C-alpha atoms as a PDB file:
ATOM      1  CA  MET A   1      54.955   7.666  50.272  1.00  0.00           C
ATOM      2  CA  ALA A   2      54.871   9.662  47.070  1.00  0.00           C
ATOM      3  CA  GLN A   3      53.039   8.325  44.092  1.00  0.00           C
ATOM      4  CA  HIS A   4      54.496   8.620  40.654  1.00  0.00           C
ATOM      5  CA  HIS A   5      51.945   9.259  38.017  1.00  0.00           C
ATOM      6  CA  PHE A   6      52.881   8.276  34.433  1.00  0.00           C
ATOM      7  CA  ASP A   7      50.909   9.489  31.486  1.00  0.00           C
ATOM      8  CA  HIS A   8      50.946   6.413  29.232  1.00  0.00           C
ATOM      9  CA  ASN A   9      48.400   7.898  26.846  1.00  0.00           C
ATOM     10  CA  ASN A  10      50.891  10.376  25.342  1.00  0.00           C
ATOM     11  CA  HIS A  11      53.467   7.668  24.635  1.00  0.00           C
ATOM     12  CA  GLY A  12      50.820   5.427  23.037  1.00  0.00           C
ATOM     13  CA  PHE A  13      49.528   8.263  20.880  1.00  0.00           C
ATOM     14  CA  ALA A  14      53.034   9.108  19.633  1.00  0.00           C
ATOM     15  CA  THR A  15      53.684   5.449  18.830  1.00  0.00           C
ATOM     16  CA  LEU A  16      50.369   5.159  16.987  1.00  0.00           C
ATOM     17  CA  VAL A  17      51.069   8.262  14.908  1.00  0.00           C
ATOM     18  CA  SER A  18      54.586   6.975  14.110  1.00  0.00           C
ATOM     19  CA  VAL A  19      53.193   3.620  12.948  1.00  0.00           C
ATOM     20  CA  ILE A  20      50.551   5.321  10.797  1.00  0.00           C
ATOM     21  CA  VAL A  21      53.122   7.657   9.194  1.00  0.00           C
ATOM     22  CA  ALA A  22      55.539   4.778   8.549  1.00  0.00           C
ATOM     23  CA  GLY A  23      52.710   2.712   7.053  1.00  0.00           C
ATOM     24  CA  ALA A  24      51.661   5.569   4.780  1.00  0.00           C
ATOM     25  CA  ILE A  25      55.231   6.044   3.555  1.00  0.00           C
ATOM     26  CA  GLY A  26      55.641   2.301   2.972  1.00  0.00           C
ATOM     27  CA  GLY A  27      52.309   2.178   1.129  1.00  0.00           C
ATOM     28  CA  ALA A  28      53.276   5.109  -1.087  1.00  0.00           C
ATOM     29  CA  ILE A  29      56.572   3.408  -1.949  1.00  0.00           C
ATOM     30  CA  ALA A  30      54.802   0.135  -2.740  1.00  0.00           C
ATOM     31  CA  VAL A  31      52.259   1.870  -5.013  1.00  0.00           C
ATOM     32  CA  GLY A  32      55.083   3.718  -6.780  1.00  0.00           C
ATOM     33  CA  LEU A  33      56.958   0.481  -7.398  1.00  0.00           C
ATOM     34  CA  LEU A  34      53.841  -1.258  -8.693  1.00  0.00           C
ATOM     35  CA  LEU A  35      53.032   1.583 -11.096  1.00  0.00           C
ATOM     36  CA  GLY A  36      56.636   1.713 -12.269  1.00  0.00           C
ATOM     37  CA  GLY A  37      56.541  -2.038 -12.822  1.00  0.00           C
ATOM     38  CA  THR A  38      53.430  -1.868 -14.998  1.00  0.00           C
ATOM     39  CA  ASP A  39      55.023   0.895 -17.086  1.00  0.00           C
ATOM     40  CA  ALA A  40      58.099  -1.279 -17.569  1.00  0.00           C
ATOM     41  CA  VAL A  41      55.930  -4.227 -18.639  1.00  0.00           C
ATOM     42  CA  ASP A  42      54.037  -2.037 -21.124  1.00  0.00           C
ATOM     43  CA  LEU A  43      57.294  -0.737 -22.551  1.00  0.00           C
ATOM     44  CA  ALA A  44      58.722  -4.253 -22.860  1.00  0.00           C
ATOM     45  CA  GLU A  45      55.577  -5.468 -24.644  1.00  0.00           C
ATOM     46  CA  ALA A  46      55.729  -2.557 -27.098  1.00  0.00           C
ATOM     47  CA  ALA A  47      59.389  -3.275 -27.822  1.00  0.00           C
ATOM     48  CA  GLN A  48      58.635  -6.957 -28.383  1.00  0.00           C
ATOM     49  CA  GLU A  49      55.786  -6.102 -30.782  1.00  0.00           C
ATOM     50  CA  ALA A  50      58.094  -3.750 -32.708  1.00  0.00           C
ATOM     51  CA  HIS A  51      60.745  -6.466 -33.044  1.00  0.00           C
ATOM     52  CA  GLN A  52      58.139  -8.996 -34.169  1.00  0.00           C
ATOM     53  CA  ALA A  53      56.700  -6.549 -36.709  1.00  0.00           C
ATOM     54  CA  ARG A  54      60.186  -5.864 -38.110  1.00  0.00           C
ATOM     55  CA  ALA A  55      60.903  -9.599 -38.326  1.00  0.00           C
ATOM     56  CA  LEU A  56      57.643 -10.067 -40.209  1.00  0.00           C
ATOM     57  CA  ALA A  57      58.492  -7.256 -42.640  1.00  0.00           C
ATOM     58  CA  ASP A  58      61.896  -8.866 -43.187  1.00  0.00           C
ATOM     59  CA  ALA A  59      60.245 -12.246 -43.810  1.00  0.00           C
ATOM     60  CA  CYS A  60      58.040 -10.805 -46.552  1.00  0.00           C
ATOM     61  CA  THR A  61      61.026  -8.964 -48.015  1.00  0.00           C
ATOM     62  CA  GLU A  62      62.904 -12.250 -48.214  1.00  0.00           C
ATOM     63  CA  GLN A  63      59.879 -13.956 -49.789  1.00  0.00           C
ATOM     64  CA  ALA A  64      59.623 -11.173 -52.382  1.00  0.00           C
ATOM     65  CA  LEU A  65      63.346 -11.448 -53.150  1.00  0.00           C
ATOM     66  CA  GLN A  66      63.036 -15.217 -53.577  1.00  0.00           C
ATOM     67  CA  THR A  67      60.047 -14.775 -55.896  1.00  0.00           C
ATOM     68  CA  LEU A  68      61.991 -12.169 -57.875  1.00  0.00           C
ATOM     69  CA  HIS A  69      64.998 -14.498 -58.023  1.00  0.00           C
ATOM     70  CA  ASP A  70      62.799 -17.259 -59.449  1.00  0.00           C
ATOM     71  CA  ASP A  71      61.097 -14.891 -61.939  1.00  0.00           C
ATOM     72  CA  LEU A  72      63.128 -11.789 -62.837  1.00  0.00           C
ATOM     73  CA  SER A  73      60.095 -10.145 -64.447  1.00  0.00           C
ATOM     74  CA  PHE A  74      57.965 -10.513 -61.288  1.00  0.00           C
ATOM     75  CA  THR A  75      56.047  -7.472 -60.115  1.00  0.00           C
ATOM     76  CA  GLY A  76      53.236  -7.732 -57.638  1.00  0.00           C
ATOM     77  CA  SER A  77      52.803  -8.680 -54.033  1.00  0.00           C
ATOM     78  CA  VAL A  78      53.375 -11.524 -51.638  1.00  0.00           C
ATOM     79  CA  GLN A  79      51.716 -12.078 -48.294  1.00  0.00           C
ATOM     80  CA  LEU A  80      52.488 -14.265 -45.300  1.00  0.00           C
ATOM     81  CA  THR A  81      50.488 -15.088 -42.203  1.00  0.00           C
ATOM     82  CA  LEU A  82      52.520 -16.413 -39.305  1.00  0.00           C
ATOM     83  CA  SER A  83      51.730 -17.100 -35.679  1.00  0.00           C
ATOM     84  CA  THR A  84      53.148 -13.707 -34.635  1.00  0.00           C
ATOM     85  CA  GLY A  85      51.273 -11.637 -37.236  1.00  0.00           C
ATOM     86  CA  THR A  86      51.033 -10.867 -40.935  1.00  0.00           C
ATOM     87  CA  CYS A  87      53.137  -9.193 -43.584  1.00  0.00           C
ATOM     88  CA  THR A  88      52.967  -8.104 -47.194  1.00  0.00           C
ATOM     89  CA  ALA A  89      55.574  -7.066 -49.715  1.00  0.00           C
ATOM     90  CA  GLU A  90      55.127  -5.378 -53.046  1.00  0.00           C
ATOM     91  CA  VAL A  91      57.699  -5.477 -55.850  1.00  0.00           C
ATOM     92  CA  LEU A  92      57.678  -2.440 -58.144  1.00  0.00           C
ATOM     93  CA  ASN A  93      59.556  -2.171 -61.464  1.00  0.00           C
ATOM     94  CA  LEU A  94      61.478   1.124 -61.525  1.00  0.00           C
ATOM     95  CA  GLY A  95      62.807   0.498 -65.043  1.00  0.00           C
ATOM     96  CA  GLY A  96      65.662  -1.579 -66.325  1.00  0.00           C
ATOM     97  CA  ALA A  97      66.965  -3.835 -63.581  1.00  0.00           C
ATOM     98  CA  GLN A  98      65.895  -1.495 -60.789  1.00  0.00           C
ATOM     99  CA  ARG A  99      63.191  -2.702 -58.442  1.00  0.00           C
ATOM    100  CA  GLU A 100      61.707  -1.384 -55.234  1.00  0.00           C
ATOM    101  CA  VAL A 101      60.393  -3.741 -52.572  1.00  0.00           C
ATOM    102  CA  ARG A 102      57.959  -2.263 -50.054  1.00  0.00           C
ATOM    103  CA  SER A 103      57.319  -4.527 -47.086  1.00  0.00           C
ATOM    104  CA  ASN A 104      55.265  -4.119 -43.965  1.00  0.00           C
ATOM    105  CA  GLY A 105      54.808  -6.401 -41.003  1.00  0.00           C
ATOM    106  CA  THR A 106      52.118  -6.147 -38.354  1.00  0.00           C
ATOM    107  CA  ALA A 107      52.304  -7.759 -34.925  1.00  0.00           C
ATOM    108  CA  VAL A 108      49.351  -7.057 -32.601  1.00  0.00           C
ATOM    109  CA  ASN A 109      48.994  -3.244 -32.900  1.00  0.00           C
ATOM    110  CA  THR A 110      52.451  -2.412 -34.261  1.00  0.00           C
ATOM    111  CA  THR A 111      53.384  -2.056 -37.928  1.00  0.00           C
ATOM    112  CA  ARG A 112      56.908  -1.689 -39.279  1.00  0.00           C
ATOM    113  CA  ARG A 113      57.714  -0.785 -42.885  1.00  0.00           C
ATOM    114  CA  VAL A 114      60.864  -1.480 -44.874  1.00  0.00           C
ATOM    115  CA  ARG A 115      61.808  -0.246 -48.335  1.00  0.00           C
ATOM    116  CA  ILE A 116      64.681  -1.683 -50.333  1.00  0.00           C
ATOM    117  CA  ILE A 117      66.031  -0.639 -53.704  1.00  0.00           C
ATOM    118  CA  ILE A 118      67.519  -3.231 -56.047  1.00  0.00           C
ATOM    119  CA  ASP A 119      69.919  -2.001 -58.707  1.00  0.00           C
ATOM    120  CA  ALA A 120      70.864  -5.307 -60.367  1.00  0.00           C
ATOM    121  CA  LEU A 121      69.103  -8.632 -60.923  1.00  0.00           C
ATOM    122  CA  GLN A 122      71.868 -10.673 -62.548  1.00  0.00           C
ATOM    123  CA  PRO A 123      74.092 -12.497 -61.901  1.00  0.00           C
ATOM    124  CA  THR A 124      72.749 -11.993 -58.379  1.00  0.00           C
ATOM    125  CA  ILE A 125      70.217  -9.598 -56.904  1.00  0.00           C
ATOM    126  CA  SER A 126      72.050  -6.522 -55.642  1.00  0.00           C
ATOM    127  CA  VAL A 127      70.379  -4.383 -52.976  1.00  0.00           C
ATOM    128  CA  SER A 128      71.636  -0.801 -53.092  1.00  0.00           C
ATOM    129  CA  SER A 129      69.673   0.516 -50.118  1.00  0.00           C
ATOM    130  CA  SER A 130      67.445  -0.653 -47.310  1.00  0.00           C
ATOM    131  CA  GLU A 131      65.647   1.559 -44.829  1.00  0.00           C
ATOM    132  CA  ASP A 132      62.892   1.631 -42.245  1.00  0.00           C
ATOM    133  CA  VAL A 133      60.186   4.086 -43.310  1.00  0.00           C
ATOM    134  CA  THR A 134      57.075   5.458 -41.648  1.00  0.00           C
ATOM    135  CA  SER A 135      55.010   5.305 -44.831  1.00  0.00           C
ATOM    136  CA  PHE A 136      55.296   4.481 -48.526  1.00  0.00           C
END
């Protein structure tokens, strides 16, 4: 009777190599997804800080406008400290009824700056321009 001899070692080796290759590919995909996820989280945090900083700058702008409304001759600065950060605004007299309000808000490590120009104080305060700026 003839004996059939099977070489099981070659099939086992091929299976082992296939499992190792598949595991390496799966691991590389998982690491890529994790790194991409941390980048997305960092980007989302930076965007949130920027929005908070802008909201803070707007809050100080509003406070400066209210102070100017209450005292049309007001020049100087106002400052607020809120749970999300701090802000300051400075009111400058440009002559006549023109004023410039320079506000900045800082949330964590992000600062946003806003400059507005006022061209009339009465009967109501009239803002002629408002812009985000990188510096004053």
